[in-house]
Amino acid sequence: MYRINKIHQLPQILDMPNEVQQVITETVLILETEYGPHLANNGFGGFVVVLSSKEDLPSLQQLLSEFFIDLEKVIPEYVESVVCSDGQIFTNTLILCGSDFSIVIISPLSITHEKLKEYM
């Protein structure tokens, strides 16, 4: 699992399909442009969580619990499919945590939480 909120962290996702890299890059660029490079220190902006396997799910649950987010109860702003040219399908989920903080979850469709899939 990767937690990304700065442009210099983007090399961590080079093993992901190009379409997924593009979604993550666009989100991180928005975060850093709008909230500055020190956004983690000022409590604004947010971050992107990138999951790659089922083994990442407990870490995601732990991370979200730090923000009082329960995937069984949360209502995401949106959940969209990212269909890759190699046939893989990922989901891009935006969870708003107030007016100036968001969490974007990128995960393979196969491990996306069932409650989130209901919003697709």
PDB file of N, CA and C in Angstrom:
ATOM      1  N   MET A   1       0.852  -1.176   0.000  1.00  0.00           N
ATOM      2  CA  MET A   1       0.000   0.000   0.000  1.00  0.00           C
ATOM      3  C   MET A   1       0.893   1.232   0.000  1.00  0.00           C
ATOM      4  N   TYR A   2       0.538   2.164  -0.842  1.00  0.00           N
ATOM      5  CA  TYR A   2       1.244   3.435  -0.904  1.00  0.00           C
ATOM      6  C   TYR A   2       0.316   4.553  -0.432  1.00  0.00           C
ATOM      7  N   ARG A   3       0.891   5.498   0.281  1.00  0.00           N
ATOM      8  CA  ARG A   3       0.175   6.718   0.662  1.00  0.00           C
ATOM      9  C   ARG A   3       0.941   7.872   0.022  1.00  0.00           C
ATOM     10  N   ILE A   4       0.305   8.559  -0.917  1.00  0.00           N
ATOM     11  CA  ILE A   4       0.996   9.558  -1.721  1.00  0.00           C
ATOM     12  C   ILE A   4       0.271  10.894  -1.629  1.00  0.00           C
ATOM     13  N   ASN A   5       1.022  11.955  -1.362  1.00  0.00           N
ATOM     14  CA  ASN A   5       0.430  13.298  -1.405  1.00  0.00           C
ATOM     15  C   ASN A   5       1.395  14.343  -1.942  1.00  0.00           C
ATOM     16  N   LYS A   6       2.529  13.890  -2.445  1.00  0.00           N
ATOM     17  CA  LYS A   6       3.517  14.815  -2.992  1.00  0.00           C
ATOM     18  C   LYS A   6       4.028  14.295  -4.331  1.00  0.00           C
ATOM     19  N   ILE A   7       4.345  15.221  -5.206  1.00  0.00           N
ATOM     20  CA  ILE A   7       4.799  14.864  -6.546  1.00  0.00           C
ATOM     21  C   ILE A   7       6.050  13.988  -6.497  1.00  0.00           C
ATOM     22  N   HIS A   8       6.967  14.269  -5.593  1.00  0.00           N
ATOM     23  CA  HIS A   8       8.215  13.500  -5.551  1.00  0.00           C
ATOM     24  C   HIS A   8       7.996  12.038  -5.155  1.00  0.00           C
ATOM     25  N   GLN A   9       6.785  11.679  -4.687  1.00  0.00           N
ATOM     26  CA  GLN A   9       6.473  10.294  -4.323  1.00  0.00           C
ATOM     27  C   GLN A   9       5.952   9.478  -5.506  1.00  0.00           C
ATOM     28  N   LEU A  10       5.687  10.118  -6.627  1.00  0.00           N
ATOM     29  CA  LEU A  10       5.084   9.431  -7.767  1.00  0.00           C
ATOM     30  C   LEU A  10       5.912   8.275  -8.330  1.00  0.00           C
ATOM     31  N   PRO A  11       7.239   8.273  -8.246  1.00  0.00           N
ATOM     32  CA  PRO A  11       7.972   7.097  -8.744  1.00  0.00           C
ATOM     33  C   PRO A  11       7.564   5.777  -8.066  1.00  0.00           C
ATOM     34  N   GLN A  12       6.921   5.841  -6.916  1.00  0.00           N
ATOM     35  CA  GLN A  12       6.459   4.623  -6.239  1.00  0.00           C
ATOM     36  C   GLN A  12       5.422   3.860  -7.054  1.00  0.00           C
ATOM     37  N   ILE A  13       4.739   4.550  -7.967  1.00  0.00           N
ATOM     38  CA  ILE A  13       3.639   3.914  -8.702  1.00  0.00           C
ATOM     39  C   ILE A  13       4.015   3.537 -10.128  1.00  0.00           C
ATOM     40  N   LEU A  14       5.282   3.558 -10.472  1.00  0.00           N
ATOM     41  CA  LEU A  14       5.698   3.274 -11.844  1.00  0.00           C
ATOM     42  C   LEU A  14       5.354   1.853 -12.288  1.00  0.00           C
ATOM     43  N   ASP A  15       5.076   0.953 -11.348  1.00  0.00           N
ATOM     44  CA  ASP A  15       4.716  -0.421 -11.702  1.00  0.00           C
ATOM     45  C   ASP A  15       3.221  -0.572 -11.995  1.00  0.00           C
ATOM     46  N   MET A  16       2.454   0.510 -11.814  1.00  0.00           N
ATOM     47  CA  MET A  16       1.012   0.486 -12.060  1.00  0.00           C
ATOM     48  C   MET A  16       0.741   0.738 -13.544  1.00  0.00           C
ATOM     49  N   PRO A  17      -0.420   0.299 -14.046  1.00  0.00           N
ATOM     50  CA  PRO A  17      -0.766   0.598 -15.443  1.00  0.00           C
ATOM     51  C   PRO A  17      -0.794   2.109 -15.701  1.00  0.00           C
ATOM     52  N   ASN A  18      -0.518   2.508 -16.921  1.00  0.00           N
ATOM     53  CA  ASN A  18      -0.441   3.930 -17.282  1.00  0.00           C
ATOM     54  C   ASN A  18      -1.712   4.700 -16.923  1.00  0.00           C
ATOM     55  N   GLU A  19      -2.859   4.090 -17.145  1.00  0.00           N
ATOM     56  CA  GLU A  19      -4.121   4.770 -16.863  1.00  0.00           C
ATOM     57  C   GLU A  19      -4.269   5.075 -15.372  1.00  0.00           C
ATOM     58  N   VAL A  20      -3.809   4.167 -14.541  1.00  0.00           N
ATOM     59  CA  VAL A  20      -3.861   4.364 -13.086  1.00  0.00           C
ATOM     60  C   VAL A  20      -2.845   5.428 -12.682  1.00  0.00           C
ATOM     61  N   GLN A  21      -1.654   5.365 -13.268  1.00  0.00           N
ATOM     62  CA  GLN A  21      -0.645   6.389 -12.987  1.00  0.00           C
ATOM     63  C   GLN A  21      -1.178   7.779 -13.316  1.00  0.00           C
ATOM     64  N   GLN A  22      -1.907   7.895 -14.414  1.00  0.00           N
ATOM     65  CA  GLN A  22      -2.445   9.189 -14.829  1.00  0.00           C
ATOM     66  C   GLN A  22      -3.446   9.720 -13.805  1.00  0.00           C
ATOM     67  N   VAL A  23      -4.342   8.873 -13.322  1.00  0.00           N
ATOM     68  CA  VAL A  23      -5.335   9.288 -12.324  1.00  0.00           C
ATOM     69  C   VAL A  23      -4.644   9.744 -11.042  1.00  0.00           C
ATOM     70  N   ILE A  24      -3.674   8.973 -10.599  1.00  0.00           N
ATOM     71  CA  ILE A  24      -2.956   9.313  -9.365  1.00  0.00           C
ATOM     72  C   ILE A  24      -2.184  10.612  -9.538  1.00  0.00           C
ATOM     73  N   THR A  25      -1.488  10.748 -10.655  1.00  0.00           N
ATOM     74  CA  THR A  25      -0.697  11.952 -10.919  1.00  0.00           C
ATOM     75  C   THR A  25      -1.577  13.195 -10.940  1.00  0.00           C
ATOM     76  N   GLU A  26      -2.717  13.121 -11.624  1.00  0.00           N
ATOM     77  CA  GLU A  26      -3.628  14.273 -11.673  1.00  0.00           C
ATOM     78  C   GLU A  26      -4.086  14.678 -10.270  1.00  0.00           C
ATOM     79  N   THR A  27      -4.416  13.692  -9.444  1.00  0.00           N
ATOM     80  CA  THR A  27      -4.894  13.980  -8.088  1.00  0.00           C
ATOM     81  C   THR A  27      -3.795  14.606  -7.238  1.00  0.00           C
ATOM     82  N   VAL A  28      -2.602  14.045  -7.306  1.00  0.00           N
ATOM     83  CA  VAL A  28      -1.485  14.567  -6.508  1.00  0.00           C
ATOM     84  C   VAL A  28      -1.101  15.968  -6.972  1.00  0.00           C
ATOM     85  N   LEU A  29      -1.145  16.216  -8.262  1.00  0.00           N
ATOM     86  CA  LEU A  29      -0.858  17.559  -8.766  1.00  0.00           C
ATOM     87  C   LEU A  29      -1.866  18.573  -8.225  1.00  0.00           C
ATOM     88  N   ILE A  30      -3.127  18.201  -8.202  1.00  0.00           N
ATOM     89  CA  ILE A  30      -4.152  19.093  -7.643  1.00  0.00           C
ATOM     90  C   ILE A  30      -3.871  19.357  -6.170  1.00  0.00           C
ATOM     91  N   LEU A  31      -3.598  18.312  -5.415  1.00  0.00           N
ATOM     92  CA  LEU A  31      -3.331  18.477  -3.986  1.00  0.00           C
ATOM     93  C   LEU A  31      -2.151  19.406  -3.735  1.00  0.00           C
ATOM     94  N   GLU A  32      -1.053  19.147  -4.431  1.00  0.00           N
ATOM     95  CA  GLU A  32       0.140  19.957  -4.186  1.00  0.00           C
ATOM     96  C   GLU A  32      -0.021  21.378  -4.711  1.00  0.00           C
ATOM     97  N   THR A  33      -0.703  21.558  -5.835  1.00  0.00           N
ATOM     98  CA  THR A  33      -0.920  22.895  -6.382  1.00  0.00           C
ATOM     99  C   THR A  33      -1.833  23.719  -5.481  1.00  0.00           C
ATOM    100  N   GLU A  34      -2.918  23.120  -5.030  1.00  0.00           N
ATOM    101  CA  GLU A  34      -3.911  23.857  -4.248  1.00  0.00           C
ATOM    102  C   GLU A  34      -3.536  24.037  -2.782  1.00  0.00           C
ATOM    103  N   TYR A  35      -2.818  23.072  -2.217  1.00  0.00           N
ATOM    104  CA  TYR A  35      -2.540  23.113  -0.780  1.00  0.00           C
ATOM    105  C   TYR A  35      -1.065  23.285  -0.439  1.00  0.00           C
ATOM    106  N   GLY A  36      -0.198  23.248  -1.439  1.00  0.00           N
ATOM    107  CA  GLY A  36       1.219  23.470  -1.210  1.00  0.00           C
ATOM    108  C   GLY A  36       1.969  22.188  -0.884  1.00  0.00           C
ATOM    109  N   PRO A  37       3.285  22.250  -0.978  1.00  0.00           N
ATOM    110  CA  PRO A  37       4.102  21.052  -0.765  1.00  0.00           C
ATOM    111  C   PRO A  37       4.150  20.591   0.693  1.00  0.00           C
ATOM    112  N   HIS A  38       3.684  21.405   1.620  1.00  0.00           N
ATOM    113  CA  HIS A  38       3.727  21.040   3.035  1.00  0.00           C
ATOM    114  C   HIS A  38       2.343  20.707   3.566  1.00  0.00           C
ATOM    115  N   LEU A  39       1.445  20.243   2.675  1.00  0.00           N
ATOM    116  CA  LEU A  39       0.060  20.032   3.069  1.00  0.00           C
ATOM    117  C   LEU A  39      -0.096  19.030   4.200  1.00  0.00           C
ATOM    118  N   ALA A  40       0.776  18.055   4.307  1.00  0.00           N
ATOM    119  CA  ALA A  40       0.654  17.072   5.388  1.00  0.00           C
ATOM    120  C   ALA A  40       0.863  17.727   6.748  1.00  0.00           C
ATOM    121  N   ASN A  41       1.565  18.825   6.762  1.00  0.00           N
ATOM    122  CA  ASN A  41       1.864  19.488   8.028  1.00  0.00           C
ATOM    123  C   ASN A  41       0.796  20.490   8.449  1.00  0.00           C
ATOM    124  N   ASN A  42      -0.097  20.868   7.528  1.00  0.00           N
ATOM    125  CA  ASN A  42      -1.076  21.888   7.888  1.00  0.00           C
ATOM    126  C   ASN A  42      -2.504  21.355   8.008  1.00  0.00           C
ATOM    127  N   GLY A  43      -2.695  20.043   7.816  1.00  0.00           N
ATOM    128  CA  GLY A  43      -4.011  19.451   8.008  1.00  0.00           C
ATOM    129  C   GLY A  43      -4.987  19.647   6.873  1.00  0.00           C
ATOM    130  N   PHE A  44      -4.522  20.171   5.745  1.00  0.00           N
ATOM    131  CA  PHE A  44      -5.388  20.391   4.599  1.00  0.00           C
ATOM    132  C   PHE A  44      -4.977  19.484   3.453  1.00  0.00           C
ATOM    133  N   GLY A  45      -5.832  19.385   2.464  1.00  0.00           N
ATOM    134  CA  GLY A  45      -5.501  18.646   1.250  1.00  0.00           C
ATOM    135  C   GLY A  45      -5.985  17.221   1.287  1.00  0.00           C
ATOM    136  N   GLY A  46      -5.115  16.327   1.639  1.00  0.00           N
ATOM    137  CA  GLY A  46      -5.457  14.919   1.679  1.00  0.00           C
ATOM    138  C   GLY A  46      -4.352  14.087   1.070  1.00  0.00           C
ATOM    139  N   PHE A  47      -4.717  12.890   0.626  1.00  0.00           N
ATOM    140  CA  PHE A  47      -3.725  11.995   0.055  1.00  0.00           C
ATOM    141  C   PHE A  47      -4.415  10.928  -0.777  1.00  0.00           C
ATOM    142  N   VAL A  48      -3.593  10.209  -1.529  1.00  0.00           N
ATOM    143  CA  VAL A  48      -4.039   9.083  -2.343  1.00  0.00           C
ATOM    144  C   VAL A  48      -3.488   7.819  -1.705  1.00  0.00           C
ATOM    145  N   VAL A  49      -4.358   6.836  -1.526  1.00  0.00           N
ATOM    146  CA  VAL A  49      -3.942   5.525  -1.043  1.00  0.00           C
ATOM    147  C   VAL A  49      -4.035   4.571  -2.225  1.00  0.00           C
ATOM    148  N   VAL A  50      -2.943   3.884  -2.518  1.00  0.00           N
ATOM    149  CA  VAL A  50      -2.904   2.960  -3.646  1.00  0.00           C
ATOM    150  C   VAL A  50      -2.758   1.542  -3.099  1.00  0.00           C
ATOM    151  N   LEU A  51      -3.747   0.719  -3.385  1.00  0.00           N
ATOM    152  CA  LEU A  51      -3.725  -0.679  -2.966  1.00  0.00           C
ATOM    153  C   LEU A  51      -3.346  -1.542  -4.156  1.00  0.00           C
ATOM    154  N   SER A  52      -2.585  -2.582  -3.905  1.00  0.00           N
ATOM    155  CA  SER A  52      -2.225  -3.457  -5.011  1.00  0.00           C
ATOM    156  C   SER A  52      -2.662  -4.904  -4.792  1.00  0.00           C
ATOM    157  N   SER A  53      -2.919  -5.278  -3.534  1.00  0.00           N
ATOM    158  CA  SER A  53      -3.318  -6.657  -3.274  1.00  0.00           C
ATOM    159  C   SER A  53      -4.215  -6.737  -2.042  1.00  0.00           C
ATOM    160  N   LYS A  54      -4.809  -7.892  -1.871  1.00  0.00           N
ATOM    161  CA  LYS A  54      -5.702  -8.141  -0.738  1.00  0.00           C
ATOM    162  C   LYS A  54      -4.962  -7.956   0.595  1.00  0.00           C
ATOM    163  N   GLU A  55      -3.672  -8.184   0.591  1.00  0.00           N
ATOM    164  CA  GLU A  55      -2.870  -8.040   1.809  1.00  0.00           C
ATOM    165  C   GLU A  55      -2.825  -6.591   2.303  1.00  0.00           C
ATOM    166  N   ASP A  56      -3.153  -5.639   1.432  1.00  0.00           N
ATOM    167  CA  ASP A  56      -3.169  -4.212   1.814  1.00  0.00           C
ATOM    168  C   ASP A  56      -4.423  -3.810   2.589  1.00  0.00           C
ATOM    169  N   LEU A  57      -5.460  -4.624   2.554  1.00  0.00           N
ATOM    170  CA  LEU A  57      -6.744  -4.236   3.147  1.00  0.00           C
ATOM    171  C   LEU A  57      -6.688  -3.958   4.655  1.00  0.00           C
ATOM    172  N   PRO A  58      -6.016  -4.771   5.462  1.00  0.00           N
ATOM    173  CA  PRO A  58      -5.935  -4.426   6.888  1.00  0.00           C
ATOM    174  C   PRO A  58      -5.239  -3.077   7.134  1.00  0.00           C
ATOM    175  N   SER A  59      -4.221  -2.779   6.361  1.00  0.00           N
ATOM    176  CA  SER A  59      -3.528  -1.496   6.502  1.00  0.00           C
ATOM    177  C   SER A  59      -4.450  -0.343   6.115  1.00  0.00           C
ATOM    178  N   LEU A  60      -5.268  -0.550   5.086  1.00  0.00           N
ATOM    179  CA  LEU A  60      -6.232   0.482   4.693  1.00  0.00           C
ATOM    180  C   LEU A  60      -7.239   0.720   5.813  1.00  0.00           C
ATOM    181  N   GLN A  61      -7.768  -0.349   6.368  1.00  0.00           N
ATOM    182  CA  GLN A  61      -8.738  -0.215   7.466  1.00  0.00           C
ATOM    183  C   GLN A  61      -8.131   0.555   8.630  1.00  0.00           C
ATOM    184  N   GLN A  62      -6.883   0.241   8.973  1.00  0.00           N
ATOM    185  CA  GLN A  62      -6.199   0.922  10.071  1.00  0.00           C
ATOM    186  C   GLN A  62      -6.026   2.410   9.755  1.00  0.00           C
ATOM    187  N   LEU A  63      -5.589   2.702   8.550  1.00  0.00           N
ATOM    188  CA  LEU A  63      -5.389   4.091   8.148  1.00  0.00           C
ATOM    189  C   LEU A  63      -6.704   4.870   8.194  1.00  0.00           C
ATOM    190  N   LEU A  64      -7.753   4.313   7.637  1.00  0.00           N
ATOM    191  CA  LEU A  64      -9.043   5.004   7.619  1.00  0.00           C
ATOM    192  C   LEU A  64      -9.609   5.193   9.015  1.00  0.00           C
ATOM    193  N   SER A  65      -9.341   4.254   9.904  1.00  0.00           N
ATOM    194  CA  SER A  65      -9.843   4.395  11.272  1.00  0.00           C
ATOM    195  C   SER A  65      -9.212   5.596  11.978  1.00  0.00           C
ATOM    196  N   GLU A  66      -8.023   5.984  11.566  1.00  0.00           N
ATOM    197  CA  GLU A  66      -7.381   7.175  12.133  1.00  0.00           C
ATOM    198  C   GLU A  66      -8.165   8.441  11.787  1.00  0.00           C
ATOM    199  N   PHE A  67      -8.962   8.364  10.723  1.00  0.00           N
ATOM    200  CA  PHE A  67      -9.786   9.499  10.288  1.00  0.00           C
ATOM    201  C   PHE A  67     -11.270   9.239  10.581  1.00  0.00           C
ATOM    202  N   PHE A  68     -11.530   8.220  11.397  1.00  0.00           N
ATOM    203  CA  PHE A  68     -12.892   7.856  11.803  1.00  0.00           C
ATOM    204  C   PHE A  68     -13.765   7.488  10.610  1.00  0.00           C
ATOM    205  N   ILE A  69     -13.166   6.789   9.651  1.00  0.00           N
ATOM    206  CA  ILE A  69     -13.884   6.360   8.458  1.00  0.00           C
ATOM    207  C   ILE A  69     -14.093   4.858   8.524  1.00  0.00           C
ATOM    208  N   ASP A  70     -15.344   4.448   8.374  1.00  0.00           N
ATOM    209  CA  ASP A  70     -15.727   3.044   8.341  1.00  0.00           C
ATOM    210  C   ASP A  70     -16.263   2.767   6.942  1.00  0.00           C
ATOM    211  N   LEU A  71     -15.619   1.875   6.214  1.00  0.00           N
ATOM    212  CA  LEU A  71     -16.042   1.602   4.837  1.00  0.00           C
ATOM    213  C   LEU A  71     -17.449   1.020   4.758  1.00  0.00           C
ATOM    214  N   GLU A  72     -17.944   0.456   5.827  1.00  0.00           N
ATOM    215  CA  GLU A  72     -19.315  -0.055   5.842  1.00  0.00           C
ATOM    216  C   GLU A  72     -20.341   1.080   5.868  1.00  0.00           C
ATOM    217  N   LYS A  73     -19.929   2.254   6.372  1.00  0.00           N
ATOM    218  CA  LYS A  73     -20.873   3.346   6.585  1.00  0.00           C
ATOM    219  C   LYS A  73     -20.614   4.591   5.740  1.00  0.00           C
ATOM    220  N   VAL A  74     -19.420   4.722   5.212  1.00  0.00           N
ATOM    221  CA  VAL A  74     -19.058   5.943   4.494  1.00  0.00           C
ATOM    222  C   VAL A  74     -19.867   6.072   3.195  1.00  0.00           C
ATOM    223  N   ILE A  75     -20.168   7.313   2.854  1.00  0.00           N
ATOM    224  CA  ILE A  75     -20.799   7.616   1.567  1.00  0.00           C
ATOM    225  C   ILE A  75     -19.759   8.367   0.748  1.00  0.00           C
ATOM    226  N   PRO A  76     -19.170   7.703  -0.251  1.00  0.00           N
ATOM    227  CA  PRO A  76     -18.131   8.373  -1.037  1.00  0.00           C
ATOM    228  C   PRO A  76     -18.715   9.456  -1.935  1.00  0.00           C
ATOM    229  N   GLU A  77     -17.889  10.426  -2.247  1.00  0.00           N
ATOM    230  CA  GLU A  77     -18.297  11.466  -3.194  1.00  0.00           C
ATOM    231  C   GLU A  77     -18.502  10.842  -4.571  1.00  0.00           C
ATOM    232  N   TYR A  78     -17.597   9.950  -4.952  1.00  0.00           N
ATOM    233  CA  TYR A  78     -17.773   9.173  -6.175  1.00  0.00           C
ATOM    234  C   TYR A  78     -16.897   7.937  -6.138  1.00  0.00           C
ATOM    235  N   VAL A  79     -17.280   6.964  -6.944  1.00  0.00           N
ATOM    236  CA  VAL A  79     -16.480   5.768  -7.209  1.00  0.00           C
ATOM    237  C   VAL A  79     -16.553   5.556  -8.707  1.00  0.00           C
ATOM    238  N   GLU A  80     -15.402   5.555  -9.353  1.00  0.00           N
ATOM    239  CA  GLU A  80     -15.405   5.368 -10.807  1.00  0.00           C
ATOM    240  C   GLU A  80     -14.441   4.265 -11.206  1.00  0.00           C
ATOM    241  N   SER A  81     -14.708   3.679 -12.344  1.00  0.00           N
ATOM    242  CA  SER A  81     -13.838   2.630 -12.883  1.00  0.00           C
ATOM    243  C   SER A  81     -12.702   3.253 -13.674  1.00  0.00           C
ATOM    244  N   VAL A  82     -11.548   2.634 -13.575  1.00  0.00           N
ATOM    245  CA  VAL A  82     -10.408   2.990 -14.413  1.00  0.00           C
ATOM    246  C   VAL A  82     -10.077   1.718 -15.200  1.00  0.00           C
ATOM    247  N   VAL A  83     -10.469   1.702 -16.455  1.00  0.00           N
ATOM    248  CA  VAL A  83     -10.259   0.529 -17.296  1.00  0.00           C
ATOM    249  C   VAL A  83      -8.933   0.712 -18.024  1.00  0.00           C
ATOM    250  N   CYS A  84      -8.058  -0.242 -17.842  1.00  0.00           N
ATOM    251  CA  CYS A  84      -6.702  -0.152 -18.392  1.00  0.00           C
ATOM    252  C   CYS A  84      -6.596  -0.908 -19.713  1.00  0.00           C
ATOM    253  N   SER A  85      -5.664  -0.477 -20.540  1.00  0.00           N
ATOM    254  CA  SER A  85      -5.492  -1.086 -21.859  1.00  0.00           C
ATOM    255  C   SER A  85      -5.057  -2.546 -21.769  1.00  0.00           C
ATOM    256  N   ASP A  86      -4.493  -2.951 -20.623  1.00  0.00           N
ATOM    257  CA  ASP A  86      -4.075  -4.347 -20.455  1.00  0.00           C
ATOM    258  C   ASP A  86      -5.203  -5.219 -19.904  1.00  0.00           C
ATOM    259  N   GLY A  87      -6.406  -4.642 -19.762  1.00  0.00           N
ATOM    260  CA  GLY A  87      -7.563  -5.408 -19.300  1.00  0.00           C
ATOM    261  C   GLY A  87      -7.857  -5.306 -17.814  1.00  0.00           C
ATOM    262  N   GLN A  88      -6.927  -4.771 -17.048  1.00  0.00           N
ATOM    263  CA  GLN A  88      -7.165  -4.622 -15.618  1.00  0.00           C
ATOM    264  C   GLN A  88      -8.188  -3.512 -15.376  1.00  0.00           C
ATOM    265  N   ILE A  89      -8.948  -3.663 -14.296  1.00  0.00           N
ATOM    266  CA  ILE A  89      -9.905  -2.638 -13.908  1.00  0.00           C
ATOM    267  C   ILE A  89      -9.622  -2.247 -12.464  1.00  0.00           C
ATOM    268  N   PHE A  90      -9.497  -0.950 -12.246  1.00  0.00           N
ATOM    269  CA  PHE A  90      -9.269  -0.390 -10.923  1.00  0.00           C
ATOM    270  C   PHE A  90     -10.452   0.505 -10.571  1.00  0.00           C
ATOM    271  N   THR A  91     -10.570   0.846  -9.305  1.00  0.00           N
ATOM    272  CA  THR A  91     -11.550   1.842  -8.905  1.00  0.00           C
ATOM    273  C   THR A  91     -10.819   3.049  -8.334  1.00  0.00           C
ATOM    274  N   ASN A  92     -11.436   4.191  -8.539  1.00  0.00           N
ATOM    275  CA  ASN A  92     -10.942   5.474  -8.042  1.00  0.00           C
ATOM    276  C   ASN A  92     -12.065   6.020  -7.168  1.00  0.00           C
ATOM    277  N   THR A  93     -11.841   6.039  -5.857  1.00  0.00           N
ATOM    278  CA  THR A  93     -12.867   6.436  -4.899  1.00  0.00           C
ATOM    279  C   THR A  93     -12.442   7.701  -4.179  1.00  0.00           C
ATOM    280  N   LEU A  94     -13.327   8.684  -4.136  1.00  0.00           N
ATOM    281  CA  LEU A  94     -13.072   9.922  -3.414  1.00  0.00           C
ATOM    282  C   LEU A  94     -13.929   9.949  -2.160  1.00  0.00           C
ATOM    283  N   ILE A  95     -13.266  10.092  -1.005  1.00  0.00           N
ATOM    284  CA  ILE A  95     -13.954  10.233   0.272  1.00  0.00           C
ATOM    285  C   ILE A  95     -13.605  11.602   0.830  1.00  0.00           C
ATOM    286  N   LEU A  96     -14.620  12.425   1.037  1.00  0.00           N
ATOM    287  CA  LEU A  96     -14.404  13.750   1.608  1.00  0.00           C
ATOM    288  C   LEU A  96     -14.458  13.666   3.124  1.00  0.00           C
ATOM    289  N   CYS A  97     -13.491  14.300   3.753  1.00  0.00           N
ATOM    290  CA  CYS A  97     -13.393  14.309   5.217  1.00  0.00           C
ATOM    291  C   CYS A  97     -13.453  15.760   5.688  1.00  0.00           C
ATOM    292  N   GLY A  98     -14.490  16.444   5.337  1.00  0.00           N
ATOM    293  CA  GLY A  98     -14.588  17.865   5.625  1.00  0.00           C
ATOM    294  C   GLY A  98     -14.398  18.658   4.346  1.00  0.00           C
ATOM    295  N   SER A  99     -14.368  19.964   4.477  1.00  0.00           N
ATOM    296  CA  SER A  99     -14.310  20.807   3.285  1.00  0.00           C
ATOM    297  C   SER A  99     -12.919  20.917   2.679  1.00  0.00           C
ATOM    298  N   ASP A 100     -11.869  20.625   3.440  1.00  0.00           N
ATOM    299  CA  ASP A 100     -10.508  20.799   2.930  1.00  0.00           C
ATOM    300  C   ASP A 100      -9.618  19.577   3.106  1.00  0.00           C
ATOM    301  N   PHE A 101     -10.223  18.392   3.161  1.00  0.00           N
ATOM    302  CA  PHE A 101      -9.410  17.184   3.306  1.00  0.00           C
ATOM    303  C   PHE A 101     -10.132  16.028   2.640  1.00  0.00           C
ATOM    304  N   SER A 102      -9.406  15.303   1.805  1.00  0.00           N
ATOM    305  CA  SER A 102     -10.004  14.163   1.112  1.00  0.00           C
ATOM    306  C   SER A 102      -9.025  13.004   1.045  1.00  0.00           C
ATOM    307  N   ILE A 103      -9.588  11.830   0.902  1.00  0.00           N
ATOM    308  CA  ILE A 103      -8.803  10.617   0.717  1.00  0.00           C
ATOM    309  C   ILE A 103      -9.285   9.970  -0.574  1.00  0.00           C
ATOM    310  N   VAL A 104      -8.348   9.686  -1.460  1.00  0.00           N
ATOM    311  CA  VAL A 104      -8.645   8.989  -2.704  1.00  0.00           C
ATOM    312  C   VAL A 104      -8.074   7.590  -2.569  1.00  0.00           C
ATOM    313  N   ILE A 105      -8.905   6.597  -2.833  1.00  0.00           N
ATOM    314  CA  ILE A 105      -8.469   5.204  -2.757  1.00  0.00           C
ATOM    315  C   ILE A 105      -8.451   4.634  -4.174  1.00  0.00           C
ATOM    316  N   ILE A 106      -7.291   4.149  -4.587  1.00  0.00           N
ATOM    317  CA  ILE A 106      -7.132   3.487  -5.878  1.00  0.00           C
ATOM    318  C   ILE A 106      -6.901   2.015  -5.586  1.00  0.00           C
ATOM    319  N   SER A 107      -7.740   1.159  -6.146  1.00  0.00           N
ATOM    320  CA  SER A 107      -7.561  -0.272  -5.892  1.00  0.00           C
ATOM    321  C   SER A 107      -8.068  -1.106  -7.059  1.00  0.00           C
ATOM    322  N   PRO A 108      -7.513  -2.305  -7.214  1.00  0.00           N
ATOM    323  CA  PRO A 108      -8.068  -3.206  -8.223  1.00  0.00           C
ATOM    324  C   PRO A 108      -9.538  -3.475  -7.891  1.00  0.00           C
ATOM    325  N   LEU A 109     -10.358  -3.582  -8.913  1.00  0.00           N
ATOM    326  CA  LEU A 109     -11.782  -3.836  -8.699  1.00  0.00           C
ATOM    327  C   LEU A 109     -11.999  -5.092  -7.853  1.00  0.00           C
ATOM    328  N   SER A 110     -11.162  -6.075  -8.041  1.00  0.00           N
ATOM    329  CA  SER A 110     -11.333  -7.353  -7.340  1.00  0.00           C
ATOM    330  C   SER A 110     -11.218  -7.235  -5.826  1.00  0.00           C
ATOM    331  N   ILE A 111     -10.538  -6.199  -5.321  1.00  0.00           N
ATOM    332  CA  ILE A 111     -10.411  -6.059  -3.861  1.00  0.00           C
ATOM    333  C   ILE A 111     -11.117  -4.806  -3.336  1.00  0.00           C
ATOM    334  N   THR A 112     -11.831  -4.102  -4.200  1.00  0.00           N
ATOM    335  CA  THR A 112     -12.576  -2.921  -3.764  1.00  0.00           C
ATOM    336  C   THR A 112     -13.703  -3.364  -2.834  1.00  0.00           C
ATOM    337  N   HIS A 113     -13.854  -2.649  -1.741  1.00  0.00           N
ATOM    338  CA  HIS A 113     -14.881  -2.979  -0.746  1.00  0.00           C
ATOM    339  C   HIS A 113     -16.257  -3.023  -1.416  1.00  0.00           C
ATOM    340  N   GLU A 114     -17.052  -4.031  -1.068  1.00  0.00           N
ATOM    341  CA  GLU A 114     -18.367  -4.217  -1.689  1.00  0.00           C
ATOM    342  C   GLU A 114     -19.276  -2.999  -1.520  1.00  0.00           C
ATOM    343  N   LYS A 115     -19.213  -2.342  -0.372  1.00  0.00           N
ATOM    344  CA  LYS A 115     -20.051  -1.155  -0.151  1.00  0.00           C
ATOM    345  C   LYS A 115     -19.694  -0.045  -1.129  1.00  0.00           C
ATOM    346  N   LEU A 116     -18.392   0.108  -1.435  1.00  0.00           N
ATOM    347  CA  LEU A 116     -17.976   1.128  -2.389  1.00  0.00           C
ATOM    348  C   LEU A 116     -18.452   0.809  -3.794  1.00  0.00           C
ATOM    349  N   LYS A 117     -18.478  -0.467  -4.147  1.00  0.00           N
ATOM    350  CA  LYS A 117     -18.932  -0.868  -5.478  1.00  0.00           C
ATOM    351  C   LYS A 117     -20.386  -0.482  -5.716  1.00  0.00           C
ATOM    352  N   GLU A 118     -21.160  -0.375  -4.638  1.00  0.00           N
ATOM    353  CA  GLU A 118     -22.569  -0.001  -4.779  1.00  0.00           C
ATOM    354  C   GLU A 118     -22.725   1.408  -5.340  1.00  0.00           C
ATOM    355  N   TYR A 119     -21.692   2.231  -5.249  1.00  0.00           N
ATOM    356  CA  TYR A 119     -21.754   3.623  -5.715  1.00  0.00           C
ATOM    357  C   TYR A 119     -21.232   3.791  -7.140  1.00  0.00           C
ATOM    358  N   MET A 120     -20.889   2.698  -7.787  1.00  0.00           N
ATOM    359  CA  MET A 120     -20.377   2.782  -9.164  1.00  0.00           C
ATOM    360  C   MET A 120     -21.522   2.952 -10.145  1.00  0.00           C
TER     361      MET A 120
END
